[in-house]
N, C-alpha and C. Protein backbone atom coordinates (compact mmCIF):
# COMPACT_ATOMS: atom_id res chain seq x y z
N MET A 1 46.16 244.04 216.16
CA MET A 1 46.58 243.63 215.21
C MET A 1 46.06 242.43 214.70
N ALA A 2 45.79 241.97 215.59
CA ALA A 2 45.26 240.58 215.60
C ALA A 2 44.06 240.48 214.88
N THR A 3 42.86 241.60 215.09
CA THR A 3 41.93 241.63 214.70
C THR A 3 41.86 241.67 213.15
N VAL A 4 43.03 242.84 212.78
CA VAL A 4 42.76 243.07 211.17
C VAL A 4 43.49 241.87 210.87
N GLU A 5 43.95 240.95 211.08
CA GLU A 5 44.56 239.46 210.58
C GLU A 5 43.57 238.80 210.55
N ASN A 6 42.53 238.81 211.65
CA ASN A 6 41.32 238.07 211.55
C ASN A 6 40.69 238.30 210.65
N LEU A 7 40.45 239.65 210.54
CA LEU A 7 39.31 240.21 209.56
C LEU A 7 39.85 239.91 207.80
N LYS A 8 40.99 240.13 207.80
CA LYS A 8 41.71 239.77 206.18
C LYS A 8 41.55 238.20 206.10
N LYS A 9 41.40 237.12 207.25
CA LYS A 9 41.23 236.00 206.93
C LYS A 9 39.83 235.39 206.95
N GLU A 10 38.82 236.51 207.28
CA GLU A 10 37.67 235.86 207.44
C GLU A 10 37.27 236.32 205.97
N MET A 11 37.75 237.79 205.65
CA MET A 11 37.24 238.12 203.87
C MET A 11 38.19 237.09 203.03
N ILE A 12 39.20 236.42 203.32
CA ILE A 12 39.61 235.67 202.48
C ILE A 12 38.32 234.46 202.51
N THR A 13 37.94 234.07 203.64
CA THR A 13 37.34 232.75 203.90
C THR A 13 36.05 233.12 203.18
N LYS A 14 35.59 234.19 203.34
CA LYS A 14 34.06 235.17 202.90
C LYS A 14 34.05 234.91 201.01
N THR A 15 35.42 235.52 200.51
CA THR A 15 35.84 235.27 199.06
C THR A 15 35.67 233.99 198.72
N ASP A 16 36.72 232.94 199.48
CA ASP A 16 36.58 231.74 198.77
C ASP A 16 35.17 231.10 199.29
N LEU A 17 34.97 231.01 200.05
CA LEU A 17 33.30 230.92 200.24
C LEU A 17 32.24 231.19 199.04
N ALA A 18 32.29 232.37 198.55
CA ALA A 18 31.56 233.04 197.51
C ALA A 18 31.76 232.42 196.06
N GLN A 19 33.09 231.92 195.62
CA GLN A 19 33.58 231.31 194.86
C GLN A 19 33.51 229.58 194.61
N THR A 20 33.34 229.30 195.53
CA THR A 20 33.18 228.07 196.00
C THR A 20 31.61 227.66 195.51
N ALA A 21 30.59 228.50 196.36
CA ALA A 21 29.31 228.45 196.29
C ALA A 21 29.13 228.35 194.71
N GLN A 22 30.08 229.50 193.90
CA GLN A 22 29.73 229.67 192.56
C GLN A 22 30.09 228.33 191.73
N ARG A 23 31.27 227.78 192.15
CA ARG A 23 31.59 226.18 191.38
C ARG A 23 30.39 225.40 191.59
N LEU A 24 29.77 225.24 193.02
CA LEU A 24 29.00 224.24 193.76
C LEU A 24 27.79 224.50 192.48
N ASP A 25 27.30 225.77 192.26
CA ASP A 25 26.17 226.37 191.82
C ASP A 25 26.36 225.62 190.03
N LYS A 26 27.33 225.86 189.59
CA LYS A 26 27.79 225.35 187.89
C LYS A 26 28.07 224.02 187.88
N THR A 27 28.57 223.19 189.09
CA THR A 27 28.55 221.97 189.40
C THR A 27 27.39 221.15 189.20
N HIS A 28 26.31 221.58 190.21
CA HIS A 28 24.93 221.52 190.39
C HIS A 28 24.17 221.37 189.02
N THR A 29 24.36 222.60 188.34
CA THR A 29 23.65 222.65 186.69
C THR A 29 24.48 221.91 185.63
N SER A 30 25.65 221.45 186.06
CA SER A 30 26.15 220.35 185.15
C SER A 30 25.39 219.00 185.58
N VAL A 31 25.45 218.63 186.75
CA VAL A 31 24.89 217.39 187.44
C VAL A 31 23.40 217.40 186.80
N GLU A 32 22.52 218.56 186.83
CA GLU A 32 21.25 218.35 186.34
C GLU A 32 21.21 218.09 185.02
N SER A 33 21.86 218.55 184.41
CA SER A 33 21.65 218.31 182.74
C SER A 33 22.64 217.05 182.46
N LEU A 34 23.19 216.18 183.19
CA LEU A 34 23.76 215.29 182.95
C LEU A 34 22.77 214.26 183.59
N LYS A 35 22.01 214.79 184.56
CA LYS A 35 20.73 213.47 184.82
C LYS A 35 19.86 213.51 183.64
N ASN A 36 19.43 214.63 183.13
CA ASN A 36 18.56 214.75 182.15
C ASN A 36 19.18 214.08 180.79
N GLU A 37 20.39 214.38 180.31
CA GLU A 37 20.90 213.50 179.66
C GLU A 37 20.42 212.15 179.97
N LEU A 38 21.09 211.49 180.79
CA LEU A 38 20.93 209.90 181.42
C LEU A 38 19.36 209.62 181.18
N THR A 39 18.73 210.39 181.63
CA THR A 39 17.26 210.30 181.78
C THR A 39 16.67 210.20 180.10
N ASN A 40 17.15 210.79 179.16
CA ASN A 40 16.85 210.61 177.99
C ASN A 40 17.65 209.39 177.17
N VAL A 41 18.78 209.27 177.69
CA VAL A 41 19.51 207.59 177.14
C VAL A 41 18.96 206.61 177.62
N ILE A 42 18.44 206.58 179.04
CA ILE A 42 17.82 205.21 179.87
C ILE A 42 16.61 205.12 178.67
N THR A 43 15.87 206.29 178.63
CA THR A 43 14.60 206.37 177.63
C THR A 43 14.65 205.81 175.82
N THR A 44 15.61 206.23 175.54
CA THR A 44 15.95 205.48 174.47
C THR A 44 16.44 204.10 174.35
N VAL A 45 17.36 203.47 175.35
CA VAL A 45 17.60 202.54 175.58
C VAL A 45 16.25 201.33 175.80
N GLN A 46 15.65 202.12 176.33
CA GLN A 46 14.05 201.45 176.94
C GLN A 46 13.15 201.05 175.67
N ASN A 47 13.01 202.08 174.73
CA ASN A 47 12.45 202.06 173.46
C ASN A 47 13.37 201.21 172.53
N MET A 48 14.56 200.93 172.54
CA MET A 48 15.24 199.98 171.56
C MET A 48 14.75 198.63 171.91
N LYS A 49 15.26 198.70 173.31
CA LYS A 49 14.74 197.13 173.69
C LYS A 49 13.25 196.75 173.02
N LEU A 50 12.10 197.58 173.55
CA LEU A 50 11.28 197.11 172.83
C LEU A 50 11.07 197.07 171.64
N ASP A 51 11.62 197.50 170.85
CA ASP A 51 11.99 197.50 169.31
C ASP A 51 12.46 196.50 169.30
N THR A 52 13.39 195.80 169.88
CA THR A 52 14.29 194.75 169.67
C THR A 52 13.34 193.52 169.73
N ASN A 53 12.71 193.68 171.12
CA ASN A 53 11.73 192.74 171.62
C ASN A 53 10.76 192.16 170.46
N GLU A 54 10.15 193.24 169.69
CA GLU A 54 9.22 193.48 168.97
C GLU A 54 9.65 192.55 167.61
N ASN A 55 11.01 193.22 167.06
CA ASN A 55 11.74 192.53 166.02
C ASN A 55 12.08 191.03 166.41
N THR A 56 12.25 190.86 167.68
CA THR A 56 12.68 189.00 167.64
C THR A 56 11.36 188.47 167.59
N GLU A 57 9.93 188.91 167.97
CA GLU A 57 9.04 188.08 167.90
C GLU A 57 8.47 187.99 166.62
N GLY A 58 8.97 189.04 165.67
CA GLY A 58 8.96 188.83 164.00
C GLY A 58 9.40 188.28 163.00
N LEU A 59 10.96 187.88 163.71
CA LEU A 59 11.77 186.79 163.38
C LEU A 59 11.48 185.57 163.90
N VAL A 60 11.42 185.21 164.86
CA VAL A 60 10.77 183.74 165.48
C VAL A 60 9.49 183.57 164.54
N VAL A 61 8.55 184.04 164.17
CA VAL A 61 7.44 184.04 163.65
C VAL A 61 7.60 183.60 162.27
N THR A 62 8.70 184.85 161.52
CA THR A 62 8.94 184.46 160.06
C THR A 62 9.96 183.28 160.07
N ASN A 63 10.65 183.09 161.08
CA ASN A 63 11.32 181.60 160.90
C ASN A 63 10.67 180.55 161.32
N THR A 64 10.06 180.70 161.77
CA THR A 64 8.96 179.71 161.87
C THR A 64 8.08 179.14 160.41
N LYS A 65 7.63 180.33 159.73
CA LYS A 65 6.79 180.11 158.29
C LYS A 65 8.09 179.31 157.41
N VAL A 66 9.12 180.13 157.77
CA VAL A 66 10.25 179.67 156.50
C VAL A 66 10.36 178.06 156.78
N GLN A 67 10.47 177.67 158.04
CA GLN A 67 10.92 176.35 158.14
C GLN A 67 9.70 175.47 157.92
N GLU A 68 8.49 175.66 157.99
CA GLU A 68 6.94 175.32 157.63
C GLU A 68 6.94 175.06 156.15
N LEU A 69 7.38 176.44 155.23
CA LEU A 69 7.21 176.22 153.85
C LEU A 69 8.34 175.52 153.53
N THR A 70 9.85 175.30 153.79
CA THR A 70 10.82 174.48 153.60
C THR A 70 10.25 173.21 153.75
N SER A 71 9.75 172.82 154.72
CA SER A 71 9.54 171.40 155.32
C SER A 71 8.34 170.92 154.16
N GLN A 72 7.41 171.74 153.75
CA GLN A 72 6.48 171.72 152.75
C GLN A 72 7.16 171.55 151.16
N LEU A 73 7.82 172.31 151.11
CA LEU A 73 8.85 171.94 149.63
C LEU A 73 9.50 170.72 149.46
N THR A 74 10.37 170.53 150.87
CA THR A 74 10.74 169.31 150.63
C THR A 74 10.03 167.78 150.70
N LYS A 75 8.88 168.26 151.38
CA LYS A 75 7.87 166.59 151.16
C LYS A 75 7.45 167.01 149.63
N SER A 76 7.02 167.75 148.86
CA SER A 76 6.62 167.86 147.66
C SER A 76 7.63 167.68 146.65
N THR A 77 8.60 167.86 146.61
CA THR A 77 9.69 167.65 146.05
C THR A 77 10.35 166.39 146.16
N ALA A 78 10.61 165.91 147.30
CA ALA A 78 11.34 164.96 147.16
C ALA A 78 10.89 163.49 146.55
N ALA A 79 11.87 162.77 146.01
CA ALA A 79 11.41 161.57 145.76
C ALA A 79 11.43 160.46 146.74
N SER A 80 10.06 159.98 146.81
CA SER A 80 9.90 158.78 147.60
C SER A 80 10.03 157.31 146.97
N SER A 81 9.78 156.55 147.99
CA SER A 81 9.96 154.97 147.23
C SER A 81 8.47 154.45 147.15
N ILE A 82 8.76 153.14 146.50
CA ILE A 82 7.69 152.38 146.51
C ILE A 82 7.81 151.10 146.79
N GLY A 83 9.06 150.84 146.62
CA GLY A 83 9.63 149.48 147.66
C GLY A 83 9.84 148.45 146.47
N LYS A 84 9.75 149.10 145.30
CA LYS A 84 10.11 148.05 144.02
C LYS A 84 10.54 149.18 142.74
N ILE A 85 11.24 148.56 141.69
CA ILE A 85 11.43 149.40 140.83
C ILE A 85 10.11 149.49 140.28
N PRO A 86 10.03 150.74 139.45
CA PRO A 86 8.63 151.46 139.06
C PRO A 86 8.50 150.64 137.61
N ALA A 87 7.24 150.27 137.63
CA ALA A 87 6.40 149.41 136.38
C ALA A 87 5.43 149.90 135.82
N SER A 88 5.28 151.35 136.14
CA SER A 88 4.27 152.08 135.03
C SER A 88 4.53 153.58 135.46
N CYS A 89 3.83 154.29 134.68
CA CYS A 89 3.66 155.60 134.80
C CYS A 89 3.34 156.06 136.00
N GLU A 90 2.39 155.21 136.54
CA GLU A 90 1.67 155.58 137.83
C GLU A 90 2.56 155.44 138.98
N ASP A 91 3.42 154.09 139.03
CA ASP A 91 4.49 154.37 139.60
C ASP A 91 5.53 155.24 139.96
N LEU A 92 5.78 155.85 138.76
CA LEU A 92 6.67 157.12 138.63
C LEU A 92 6.19 158.20 139.33
N GLN A 93 5.10 158.12 139.03
CA GLN A 93 4.04 159.82 139.44
C GLN A 93 4.24 159.28 141.01
N GLN A 94 3.96 158.32 141.41
CA GLN A 94 4.06 157.84 142.94
C GLN A 94 5.39 158.49 143.65
N ILE A 95 6.22 158.08 142.93
CA ILE A 95 8.11 158.52 143.65
C ILE A 95 8.01 160.06 143.32
N GLY A 96 7.19 160.87 142.78
CA GLY A 96 7.67 162.08 142.78
C GLY A 96 7.70 162.46 140.95
N HIS A 97 7.89 161.90 140.33
CA HIS A 97 7.90 162.47 138.85
C HIS A 97 6.64 163.22 138.58
N LYS A 98 6.94 164.60 137.82
CA LYS A 98 6.01 165.33 137.47
C LYS A 98 6.10 165.49 135.95
N LYS A 99 6.87 165.16 135.44
CA LYS A 99 7.57 166.26 134.00
C LYS A 99 7.26 164.62 133.09
N SER A 100 6.08 165.41 132.04
CA SER A 100 6.18 164.04 130.95
C SER A 100 7.64 163.97 129.89
N GLY A 101 7.47 162.66 129.96
CA GLY A 101 8.81 162.39 128.84
C GLY A 101 9.14 160.84 129.05
N LEU A 102 10.47 160.09 128.56
CA LEU A 102 10.25 158.72 128.41
C LEU A 102 11.24 158.46 129.53
N TYR A 103 10.76 157.30 130.52
CA TYR A 103 11.06 157.12 131.36
C TYR A 103 11.58 155.34 131.40
N SER A 104 12.28 154.81 132.00
CA SER A 104 12.95 153.47 132.07
C SER A 104 11.54 152.47 133.29
N VAL A 105 11.22 151.98 133.08
CA VAL A 105 10.33 150.96 134.11
C VAL A 105 10.61 149.45 133.61
N MET A 106 9.99 148.66 134.92
CA MET A 106 10.58 147.57 134.46
C MET A 106 9.12 146.65 133.85
N GLY A 107 9.52 146.26 132.75
CA GLY A 107 8.82 145.43 131.99
C GLY A 107 8.18 144.10 132.60
N SER A 108 7.65 143.04 131.79
CA SER A 108 7.52 141.68 132.49
C SER A 108 8.87 140.76 132.57
N LYS A 109 9.78 141.34 131.92
CA LYS A 109 11.14 140.23 131.69
C LYS A 109 12.18 141.42 131.47
N GLN A 110 12.25 142.48 131.02
CA GLN A 110 12.95 143.33 131.35
C GLN A 110 12.83 144.63 131.24
N VAL A 111 13.72 145.69 131.43
CA VAL A 111 13.32 147.12 131.70
C VAL A 111 13.24 147.73 130.29
N GLU A 112 12.20 148.22 130.29
CA GLU A 112 11.69 148.77 129.03
C GLU A 112 11.53 150.42 128.89
N ASN A 113 11.50 151.05 127.92
CA ASN A 113 11.58 152.76 127.94
C ASN A 113 9.98 152.85 127.72
N VAL A 114 9.45 153.89 128.00
CA VAL A 114 7.84 154.17 128.16
C VAL A 114 8.25 155.62 128.29
N TYR A 115 7.38 156.66 127.02
CA TYR A 115 6.66 157.71 127.43
C TYR A 115 5.49 158.00 128.57
N CYS A 116 5.63 158.87 129.35
CA CYS A 116 4.44 159.08 130.53
C CYS A 116 4.28 160.42 130.30
N ASP A 117 2.62 160.35 130.30
CA ASP A 117 2.34 162.06 129.92
C ASP A 117 1.48 162.31 131.49
N PHE A 118 2.04 163.04 132.05
CA PHE A 118 1.63 163.54 133.34
C PHE A 118 0.49 164.74 133.38
N THR A 119 0.60 165.29 132.25
CA THR A 119 -0.59 166.16 131.91
C THR A 119 -1.95 165.71 131.98
N LYS A 120 -1.81 164.42 131.97
CA LYS A 120 -3.79 163.57 131.91
C LYS A 120 -3.72 163.54 133.62
N PRO A 121 -4.89 163.52 133.94
CA PRO A 121 -5.38 162.65 134.96
C PRO A 121 -5.11 161.78 135.44
N THR A 122 -4.77 161.40 136.75
CA THR A 122 -4.15 160.16 136.86
C THR A 122 -5.51 159.18 137.19
N GLY A 123 -5.19 157.86 137.26
CA GLY A 123 -6.27 157.06 137.52
C GLY A 123 -6.94 156.43 136.30
N GLY A 124 -5.87 156.59 135.08
CA GLY A 124 -6.48 155.95 133.92
C GLY A 124 -5.29 156.14 132.65
N SER A 125 -4.09 156.39 133.35
CA SER A 125 -3.13 156.88 132.31
C SER A 125 -2.45 155.72 131.29
N LEU A 126 -2.29 156.22 130.33
CA LEU A 126 -2.09 155.38 129.08
C LEU A 126 -0.21 155.86 128.69
N PHE A 127 0.39 154.88 128.83
CA PHE A 127 1.65 155.06 128.17
C PHE A 127 2.50 154.09 127.39
N LEU A 128 3.06 154.30 126.44
CA LEU A 128 3.42 153.55 124.94
C LEU A 128 4.86 153.15 125.25
N PHE A 129 5.35 152.13 124.70
CA PHE A 129 6.70 151.44 125.17
C PHE A 129 6.81 150.90 123.59
N PHE A 130 8.03 151.81 123.10
CA PHE A 130 8.42 152.17 121.91
C PHE A 130 9.59 151.10 121.75
N GLN A 131 9.49 149.48 120.67
CA GLN A 131 10.55 148.90 120.71
C GLN A 131 11.03 148.96 119.23
N GLY A 132 12.56 149.24 118.84
CA GLY A 132 12.64 149.57 117.68
C GLY A 132 13.90 150.93 117.15
N LEU A 133 13.81 151.35 115.95
CA LEU A 133 14.35 152.79 116.07
C LEU A 133 13.50 153.68 116.48
N ALA A 134 14.24 155.07 117.44
CA ALA A 134 13.75 156.01 117.73
C ALA A 134 13.46 157.03 117.02
N GLY A 135 14.57 157.28 115.84
CA GLY A 135 14.83 157.85 114.49
C GLY A 135 14.66 157.08 113.24
N PHE A 136 14.08 157.46 112.30
CA PHE A 136 14.56 156.93 111.28
C PHE A 136 15.09 157.53 110.08
N PRO A 137 15.70 156.67 109.61
CA PRO A 137 17.00 157.26 108.46
C PRO A 137 16.05 157.68 107.32
N SER A 138 16.58 158.65 106.61
CA SER A 138 16.20 158.95 105.57
C SER A 138 15.67 157.85 104.21
N SER A 139 14.89 157.93 103.47
CA SER A 139 14.35 156.90 102.50
C SER A 139 15.62 156.30 101.40
N THR A 140 16.03 154.74 102.07
CA THR A 140 16.89 154.55 101.52
C THR A 140 16.35 153.08 100.89
N GLY A 141 15.15 152.80 100.92
CA GLY A 141 14.58 151.26 100.41
C GLY A 141 14.89 150.49 101.20
N GLN A 142 14.97 150.52 102.46
CA GLN A 142 15.05 149.56 103.27
C GLN A 142 13.34 149.30 103.94
N ASN A 143 13.27 148.17 104.71
CA ASN A 143 12.11 148.13 105.14
C ASN A 143 12.38 148.58 106.72
N VAL A 144 11.59 148.80 107.55
CA VAL A 144 11.55 149.86 109.00
C VAL A 144 10.47 148.79 109.84
N HIS A 145 10.84 148.51 110.88
CA HIS A 145 9.91 147.58 111.43
C HIS A 145 9.49 148.75 112.77
N LEU A 146 7.99 148.89 113.18
CA LEU A 146 7.73 149.54 114.26
C LEU A 146 7.05 148.83 115.09
N LYS A 147 7.07 148.59 116.22
CA LYS A 147 6.52 148.03 117.32
C LYS A 147 5.73 148.59 118.41
N ILE A 148 4.49 148.80 118.40
CA ILE A 148 4.33 149.33 119.68
C ILE A 148 3.53 148.86 120.71
N ALA A 149 3.56 148.90 121.82
CA ALA A 149 3.34 148.18 123.01
C ALA A 149 2.47 149.01 123.51
N PHE A 150 0.88 148.49 124.09
CA PHE A 150 0.17 149.68 124.99
C PHE A 150 -0.08 148.91 126.13
N TYR A 151 0.06 150.20 127.32
CA TYR A 151 -0.45 149.73 128.71
C TYR A 151 -0.92 150.63 129.10
N LEU A 152 -1.57 150.04 129.96
CA LEU A 152 -3.00 151.00 130.90
C LEU A 152 -2.87 150.74 132.59
N ASN A 153 -2.37 151.39 133.10
CA ASN A 153 -2.19 151.69 134.73
C ASN A 153 -1.32 150.23 134.90
N GLY A 154 -0.24 150.39 133.92
CA GLY A 154 0.77 149.12 134.06
C GLY A 154 0.54 147.97 133.89
N SER A 155 -0.69 147.64 133.26
CA SER A 155 -0.91 146.28 132.47
C SER A 155 -1.17 146.22 131.26
N TYR A 156 -0.69 145.04 130.64
CA TYR A 156 -0.42 145.28 129.22
C TYR A 156 -1.61 145.05 128.67
N LEU A 157 -2.00 146.08 127.18
CA LEU A 157 -3.40 145.63 126.36
C LEU A 157 -3.08 145.04 125.50
N SER A 158 -2.15 145.57 124.31
CA SER A 158 -1.74 144.91 123.28
C SER A 158 -0.67 145.29 122.14
N THR A 159 -0.07 145.08 121.47
CA THR A 159 1.00 145.40 120.65
C THR A 159 0.47 145.97 119.10
N ALA A 160 0.69 146.66 118.39
CA ALA A 160 0.72 147.03 117.34
C ALA A 160 2.00 147.05 116.45
N GLU A 161 2.14 146.33 115.27
CA GLU A 161 3.56 146.27 114.58
C GLU A 161 3.36 146.28 113.31
N ARG A 162 4.10 147.08 112.46
CA ARG A 162 4.08 147.42 111.26
C ARG A 162 5.24 147.45 110.50
N ASP A 163 5.40 146.85 109.29
CA ASP A 163 6.56 146.73 108.81
C ASP A 163 6.34 147.46 107.82
N LYS A 164 7.20 148.46 107.45
CA LYS A 164 6.75 149.08 106.18
C LYS A 164 7.96 149.84 105.11
N HIS A 165 7.74 150.10 103.95
CA HIS A 165 8.81 150.77 103.26
C HIS A 165 9.61 151.77 104.06
N ASN A 166 10.53 152.39 104.11
CA ASN A 166 11.49 153.56 104.53
C ASN A 166 10.89 154.48 104.26
N ASN A 167 9.55 154.86 104.53
CA ASN A 167 9.27 156.62 103.89
C ASN A 167 8.25 157.05 105.22
N ILE A 168 9.00 157.81 106.07
CA ILE A 168 8.38 158.22 107.29
C ILE A 168 6.92 158.77 107.07
N ASN A 169 6.44 159.27 105.62
CA ASN A 169 5.19 159.58 105.44
C ASN A 169 4.27 158.55 105.74
N GLU A 170 4.78 157.30 105.36
CA GLU A 170 3.81 156.44 105.60
C GLU A 170 3.33 155.57 106.74
N PHE A 171 4.10 156.32 107.98
CA PHE A 171 3.87 155.92 109.71
C PHE A 171 2.83 156.68 109.91
N GLY A 172 2.23 157.90 109.24
CA GLY A 172 1.31 158.10 109.82
C GLY A 172 -0.03 157.72 109.77
N ASP A 173 -0.04 156.92 108.97
CA ASP A 173 -1.43 156.34 108.66
C ASP A 173 -1.21 154.98 109.72
N ILE A 174 -0.31 154.64 110.19
CA ILE A 174 -0.09 153.37 111.26
C ILE A 174 -0.84 154.16 112.88
N ILE A 175 0.14 155.26 112.98
CA ILE A 175 -0.59 155.90 113.98
C ILE A 175 -1.73 156.24 114.02
N ASP A 176 -2.43 156.70 113.01
CA ASP A 176 -3.90 157.20 113.32
C ASP A 176 -4.60 155.85 113.24
N THR A 177 -4.19 154.51 112.74
CA THR A 177 -4.86 153.55 112.99
C THR A 177 -4.70 153.01 114.10
N ILE A 178 -3.55 153.24 114.79
CA ILE A 178 -3.80 152.65 116.35
C ILE A 178 -4.46 153.69 117.25
N ASP A 179 -4.17 154.97 116.85
CA ASP A 179 -5.36 155.93 117.33
C ASP A 179 -6.95 155.36 117.81
N LYS A 180 -7.04 155.30 116.32
CA LYS A 180 -8.78 154.68 116.16
C LYS A 180 -9.26 152.98 116.95
N GLU A 181 -8.11 152.63 117.15
CA GLU A 181 -8.26 151.04 117.33
C GLU A 181 -8.09 151.36 119.25
N ILE A 182 -7.37 152.40 119.91
CA ILE A 182 -7.20 152.42 121.15
C ILE A 182 -8.80 153.38 121.43
N SER A 183 -9.17 154.24 120.88
CA SER A 183 -10.32 155.12 121.09
C SER A 183 -11.68 154.59 120.57
N GLY A 184 -11.54 153.29 119.91
CA GLY A 184 -12.73 152.64 119.78
C GLY A 184 -13.25 153.09 118.53
N ASN A 185 -13.09 153.96 117.77
CA ASN A 185 -13.66 154.51 116.98
C ASN A 185 -13.40 153.94 115.41
């Protein structure tokens, strides 16, 4: 009976061995499938690294360009100093003013309000100093005194003064006269 028992054991072992071989084949197939998936993941990660490196290089270039443009913008818009209180439109332009309008500058003895026209080319700018009323009241029968001082490149040229009856229309001829005196016509 020992041989029947041995045969039974041998058959069980062969059955177990066949089942184990099947499980091993399935496991091998699963491992191969996982290897393929892992290879795909590795390839994807490597491609992502390449894309990230390219994007990083692009960002570095863009960041450098933004810093350069920011620096240029800061230089072009930042006020600078000329070491003194501005005495002319040219001084105001040197420290960064670009918009035409009324400004305060240091005259020979006091601060004066001047109109600077920055739309004209530099190197011969003319600005006016107005002393007196900036706006004229309606006709009241009172006299109005108008004084205009002329400067060229910060140097005093001349002064024009007029006392007129308070009628705004009469000041048009003063401006025309002054304009002719300046232009030499």
